[in-house]
Amino acid sequence: MKFAEVGDIIEFKNGLRGLVEKVNENSVIVDLTIMPNYRDLDLEEKTVVNHKRYKIIKSKDDSE
């Protein structure tokens, strides 16, 4: 499995998406405020996600 890198967008836990801010040994720290419906979901701004529990949606290296 390829681990996410800083700047990647990942998806986890039933469709939540976040921007990877830090990569740890077993997890990543993501910023959830990139989601358009962030305020409606009543979530914290950041969360920790285990490497086994996400998929990379957009790599920071992908061109638009």
N, C-alpha and C. Protein backbone atom coordinates (compact mmCIF):
# COMPACT_ATOMS: atom_id res chain seq x y z
N MET A 1 0.85 -1.20 0.00
CA MET A 1 0.00 0.00 0.00
C MET A 1 0.88 1.25 0.00
N LYS A 2 0.53 2.19 -0.85
CA LYS A 2 1.26 3.45 -0.91
C LYS A 2 0.70 4.39 0.15
N PHE A 3 1.56 4.93 0.96
CA PHE A 3 1.13 5.88 1.98
C PHE A 3 0.93 7.26 1.35
N ALA A 4 0.00 8.01 1.92
CA ALA A 4 -0.23 9.38 1.48
C ALA A 4 0.96 10.25 1.86
N GLU A 5 1.11 11.35 1.13
CA GLU A 5 2.16 12.32 1.41
C GLU A 5 1.51 13.66 1.74
N VAL A 6 2.29 14.55 2.34
CA VAL A 6 1.79 15.89 2.64
C VAL A 6 1.31 16.54 1.35
N GLY A 7 0.09 17.08 1.39
CA GLY A 7 -0.50 17.72 0.22
C GLY A 7 -1.49 16.85 -0.53
N ASP A 8 -1.53 15.54 -0.25
CA ASP A 8 -2.49 14.64 -0.88
C ASP A 8 -3.87 14.83 -0.27
N ILE A 9 -4.89 14.49 -1.03
CA ILE A 9 -6.26 14.47 -0.51
C ILE A 9 -6.65 13.00 -0.37
N ILE A 10 -7.14 12.66 0.81
CA ILE A 10 -7.54 11.28 1.08
C ILE A 10 -9.02 11.21 1.42
N GLU A 11 -9.57 10.01 1.27
CA GLU A 11 -10.96 9.74 1.64
C GLU A 11 -10.97 8.62 2.66
N PHE A 12 -11.82 8.75 3.66
CA PHE A 12 -11.89 7.77 4.74
C PHE A 12 -13.27 7.82 5.38
N LYS A 13 -13.57 6.81 6.16
CA LYS A 13 -14.79 6.77 6.99
C LYS A 13 -16.04 7.31 6.28
N ASN A 14 -16.58 6.53 5.37
CA ASN A 14 -17.84 6.86 4.70
C ASN A 14 -17.83 8.17 3.93
N GLY A 15 -16.75 8.46 3.23
CA GLY A 15 -16.75 9.60 2.34
C GLY A 15 -16.16 10.89 2.86
N LEU A 16 -15.67 10.93 4.08
CA LEU A 16 -15.01 12.14 4.55
C LEU A 16 -13.71 12.32 3.78
N ARG A 17 -13.37 13.57 3.50
CA ARG A 17 -12.13 13.86 2.77
C ARG A 17 -11.32 14.89 3.54
N GLY A 18 -10.01 14.77 3.39
CA GLY A 18 -9.14 15.71 4.07
C GLY A 18 -7.82 15.87 3.35
N LEU A 19 -7.16 16.98 3.64
CA LEU A 19 -5.86 17.31 3.08
C LEU A 19 -4.79 16.88 4.08
N VAL A 20 -3.87 16.04 3.63
CA VAL A 20 -2.82 15.52 4.52
C VAL A 20 -1.86 16.65 4.88
N GLU A 21 -1.69 16.87 6.19
CA GLU A 21 -0.79 17.90 6.68
C GLU A 21 0.49 17.33 7.27
N LYS A 22 0.42 16.10 7.80
CA LYS A 22 1.60 15.49 8.41
C LYS A 22 1.48 13.97 8.28
N VAL A 23 2.61 13.33 7.99
CA VAL A 23 2.64 11.88 7.88
C VAL A 23 3.43 11.34 9.06
N ASN A 24 2.80 10.45 9.82
CA ASN A 24 3.44 9.79 10.95
C ASN A 24 3.74 8.34 10.57
N GLU A 25 4.35 7.60 11.46
CA GLU A 25 4.71 6.22 11.18
C GLU A 25 3.50 5.35 10.85
N ASN A 26 2.42 5.50 11.62
CA ASN A 26 1.24 4.65 11.44
C ASN A 26 -0.01 5.39 10.99
N SER A 27 0.10 6.71 10.80
CA SER A 27 -1.10 7.49 10.50
C SER A 27 -0.74 8.80 9.82
N VAL A 28 -1.78 9.51 9.41
CA VAL A 28 -1.63 10.85 8.86
C VAL A 28 -2.55 11.80 9.62
N ILE A 29 -2.17 13.05 9.65
CA ILE A 29 -3.02 14.10 10.22
C ILE A 29 -3.60 14.86 9.06
N VAL A 30 -4.94 14.99 9.03
CA VAL A 30 -5.61 15.62 7.90
C VAL A 30 -6.44 16.82 8.33
N ASP A 31 -6.53 17.79 7.43
CA ASP A 31 -7.35 18.98 7.61
C ASP A 31 -8.68 18.74 6.91
N LEU A 32 -9.76 18.73 7.65
CA LEU A 32 -11.08 18.43 7.10
C LEU A 32 -11.79 19.66 6.54
N THR A 33 -11.25 20.85 6.74
CA THR A 33 -11.95 22.06 6.32
C THR A 33 -12.00 22.24 4.81
N ILE A 34 -11.35 21.36 4.05
CA ILE A 34 -11.42 21.45 2.58
C ILE A 34 -12.76 20.97 2.03
N MET A 35 -13.52 20.24 2.84
CA MET A 35 -14.82 19.74 2.38
C MET A 35 -15.83 20.88 2.32
N PRO A 36 -16.60 20.97 1.24
CA PRO A 36 -17.58 22.06 1.12
C PRO A 36 -18.62 22.05 2.25
N ASN A 37 -18.98 20.87 2.74
CA ASN A 37 -20.00 20.77 3.78
C ASN A 37 -19.39 20.63 5.18
N TYR A 38 -18.15 21.04 5.35
CA TYR A 38 -17.45 20.88 6.63
C TYR A 38 -18.24 21.47 7.80
N ARG A 39 -18.72 22.69 7.66
CA ARG A 39 -19.43 23.35 8.77
C ARG A 39 -20.72 22.61 9.15
N ASP A 40 -21.37 21.99 8.20
CA ASP A 40 -22.62 21.28 8.46
C ASP A 40 -22.39 19.97 9.23
N LEU A 41 -21.19 19.43 9.17
CA LEU A 41 -20.91 18.12 9.76
C LEU A 41 -20.54 18.17 11.24
N ASP A 42 -20.28 19.35 11.77
CA ASP A 42 -19.95 19.51 13.19
C ASP A 42 -18.76 18.62 13.59
N LEU A 43 -17.66 18.77 12.85
CA LEU A 43 -16.45 18.00 13.10
C LEU A 43 -15.32 18.93 13.56
N GLU A 44 -14.31 18.33 14.17
CA GLU A 44 -13.09 19.08 14.48
C GLU A 44 -12.41 19.44 13.16
N GLU A 45 -11.52 20.43 13.20
CA GLU A 45 -10.82 20.85 11.97
C GLU A 45 -9.85 19.79 11.47
N LYS A 46 -9.21 19.09 12.39
CA LYS A 46 -8.20 18.10 12.03
C LYS A 46 -8.50 16.77 12.70
N THR A 47 -8.01 15.70 12.08
CA THR A 47 -8.17 14.38 12.68
C THR A 47 -6.99 13.50 12.26
N VAL A 48 -6.86 12.38 12.96
CA VAL A 48 -5.80 11.41 12.67
C VAL A 48 -6.44 10.20 12.03
N VAL A 49 -5.82 9.70 10.94
CA VAL A 49 -6.35 8.55 10.23
C VAL A 49 -5.22 7.53 10.05
N ASN A 50 -5.48 6.30 10.44
CA ASN A 50 -4.51 5.22 10.27
C ASN A 50 -4.28 4.96 8.79
N HIS A 51 -3.04 4.58 8.45
CA HIS A 51 -2.71 4.30 7.04
C HIS A 51 -3.60 3.22 6.43
N LYS A 52 -4.10 2.31 7.23
CA LYS A 52 -4.92 1.22 6.72
C LYS A 52 -6.35 1.65 6.42
N ARG A 53 -6.73 2.86 6.82
CA ARG A 53 -8.14 3.25 6.77
C ARG A 53 -8.47 4.37 5.78
N TYR A 54 -7.61 4.63 4.83
CA TYR A 54 -7.92 5.67 3.84
C TYR A 54 -7.48 5.24 2.45
N LYS A 55 -7.99 5.98 1.46
CA LYS A 55 -7.48 5.81 0.11
C LYS A 55 -7.15 7.20 -0.43
N ILE A 56 -6.12 7.26 -1.26
CA ILE A 56 -5.68 8.53 -1.81
C ILE A 56 -6.59 8.88 -2.98
N ILE A 57 -7.22 10.04 -2.89
CA ILE A 57 -8.14 10.52 -3.92
C ILE A 57 -7.37 11.35 -4.95
N LYS A 58 -6.50 12.21 -4.47
CA LYS A 58 -5.73 13.07 -5.37
C LYS A 58 -4.34 13.25 -4.79
N SER A 59 -3.35 12.89 -5.56
CA SER A 59 -1.97 13.07 -5.13
C SER A 59 -1.57 14.51 -5.36
N LYS A 60 -0.69 15.02 -4.51
CA LYS A 60 -0.21 16.39 -4.68
C LYS A 60 0.53 16.55 -6.00
N ASP A 61 1.00 15.44 -6.56
CA ASP A 61 1.74 15.47 -7.82
C ASP A 61 0.85 15.41 -9.04
N ASP A 62 -0.45 15.13 -8.86
CA ASP A 62 -1.38 15.08 -10.00
C ASP A 62 -1.56 16.46 -10.58
N SER A 63 -1.52 16.54 -11.90
CA SER A 63 -1.78 17.82 -12.54
C SER A 63 -3.27 17.96 -12.81
N GLU A 64 -3.74 19.15 -12.78
CA GLU A 64 -5.18 19.37 -12.98
C GLU A 64 -5.50 19.62 -14.41
